Amino acid sequence: MTDASCNHLDDIVDPPLSPAAEGCVECLASGGRWVHLRRCVECGHVGCCDSSPNKHATAHFAQTRHPLVQSFEPGEEWYWCYEDETGFEVAGQPPSAAHG
């Protein structure tokens, strides 16, 4: 399923994982904690979700303007577009990378 209300579908790529792909890059560096992880589909940055204390995935968007993240949780395939404020899945995409 795709969501036609997202104008950034062409931005979906499979970037290399950030060096700290086992967790939120900023939380690992600062000793913070997270609830769930999100991976930027443009550069591979792994940040924590908005339910986490520091909301690093959203902060990454604010800093870089990279609009799309994909869940970095095992078994979850959905994307979120910050600019269009919509979530969606894309049929035919390979399984999401996920932390172990």
Protein backbone atom coordinates (compact mmCIF):
# COMPACT_ATOMS: atom_id res chain seq x y z
CA MET A 1 0.00 0.00 0.00
CA THR A 2 1.29 3.47 -0.73
CA ASP A 3 -0.06 6.78 0.37
CA ALA A 4 -0.53 9.23 -2.48
CA SER A 5 -0.51 12.09 0.01
CA CYS A 6 3.28 11.71 0.44
CA ASN A 7 5.23 13.62 -2.17
CA HIS A 8 8.58 12.04 -1.27
CA LEU A 9 8.22 8.43 -2.44
CA ASP A 10 11.08 8.92 -4.89
CA ASP A 11 13.35 9.66 -1.90
CA ILE A 12 13.12 6.06 -0.67
CA VAL A 13 16.56 4.49 -1.03
CA ASP A 14 18.47 1.87 0.93
CA PRO A 15 21.25 3.92 2.55
CA PRO A 16 24.02 2.31 4.57
CA LEU A 17 23.26 1.99 8.25
CA SER A 18 24.75 4.51 10.61
CA PRO A 19 27.70 3.19 12.65
CA ALA A 20 25.45 2.81 15.72
CA ALA A 21 22.75 0.78 14.00
CA GLU A 22 21.98 -1.07 17.23
CA GLY A 23 20.37 2.01 18.72
CA CYS A 24 19.78 5.73 18.60
CA VAL A 25 23.07 7.36 17.64
CA GLU A 26 22.65 10.32 19.99
CA CYS A 27 21.27 8.29 22.92
CA LEU A 28 24.15 5.82 22.69
CA ALA A 29 26.63 8.72 22.74
CA SER A 30 24.97 10.47 25.70
CA GLY A 31 23.79 7.50 27.73
CA GLY A 32 20.14 8.29 26.96
CA ARG A 33 17.35 5.79 26.46
CA TRP A 34 14.76 5.24 23.75
CA VAL A 35 11.41 3.53 23.24
CA HIS A 36 11.50 2.74 19.50
CA LEU A 37 13.90 3.47 16.67
CA ARG A 38 13.46 5.16 13.28
CA ARG A 39 15.89 5.07 10.34
CA CYS A 40 16.29 7.99 7.93
CA VAL A 41 15.83 6.58 4.43
CA GLU A 42 18.04 9.26 2.91
CA CYS A 43 21.22 8.94 4.99
CA GLY A 44 20.71 5.92 7.30
CA HIS A 45 20.74 7.88 10.58
CA VAL A 46 19.10 5.88 13.40
CA GLY A 47 17.24 8.00 15.94
CA CYS A 48 14.67 7.50 18.68
CA CYS A 49 10.93 8.02 18.19
CA ASP A 50 8.71 10.78 19.53
CA SER A 51 7.66 8.54 22.45
CA SER A 52 11.30 8.60 23.58
CA PRO A 53 12.52 11.36 25.91
CA ASN A 54 14.83 13.02 23.36
CA LYS A 55 12.96 12.52 20.05
CA HIS A 56 16.20 12.31 18.06
CA ALA A 57 14.59 11.11 14.80
CA THR A 58 12.44 14.25 14.66
CA ALA A 59 15.45 16.38 15.64
CA HIS A 60 17.37 14.81 12.73
CA PHE A 61 14.57 15.85 10.37
CA ALA A 62 14.59 19.40 11.80
CA GLN A 63 18.35 19.64 11.26
CA THR A 64 18.68 17.94 7.85
CA ARG A 65 15.19 18.29 6.30
CA HIS A 66 15.35 14.58 5.32
CA PRO A 67 11.57 13.96 5.26
CA LEU A 68 11.24 10.15 5.41
CA VAL A 69 11.97 7.65 8.15
CA GLN A 70 11.17 3.96 8.29
CA SER A 71 10.55 2.00 11.45
CA PHE A 72 13.75 0.32 12.60
CA GLU A 73 11.81 -2.19 14.70
CA PRO A 74 11.81 -5.91 13.78
CA GLY A 75 8.74 -6.86 11.73
CA GLU A 76 7.63 -3.28 11.04
CA GLU A 77 7.72 -2.04 7.44
CA TRP A 78 6.01 1.36 7.64
CA TYR A 79 7.36 4.78 6.74
CA TRP A 80 6.59 8.23 8.12
CA CYS A 81 6.87 11.48 6.17
CA TYR A 82 7.54 14.46 8.44
CA GLU A 83 6.76 17.04 5.75
CA ASP A 84 3.44 15.52 4.66
CA GLU A 85 2.62 14.20 8.16
CA THR A 86 1.53 10.80 6.89
CA GLY A 87 2.43 7.18 7.50
CA PHE A 88 2.38 4.49 4.82
CA GLU A 89 3.78 1.18 3.58
CA VAL A 90 5.16 0.51 0.12
CA ALA A 91 4.31 -2.79 -1.57
CA GLY A 92 7.29 -4.58 -3.07
CA GLN A 93 9.92 -2.91 -0.89
CA PRO A 94 12.51 -5.25 0.65
CA PRO A 95 12.11 -5.89 4.38
CA SER A 96 13.11 -3.01 6.61
CA ALA A 97 16.51 -3.08 8.18
CA ALA A 98 16.06 -3.50 11.92
CA HIS A 99 18.17 -3.56 15.02
CA GLY A 100 18.87 -6.95 16.54
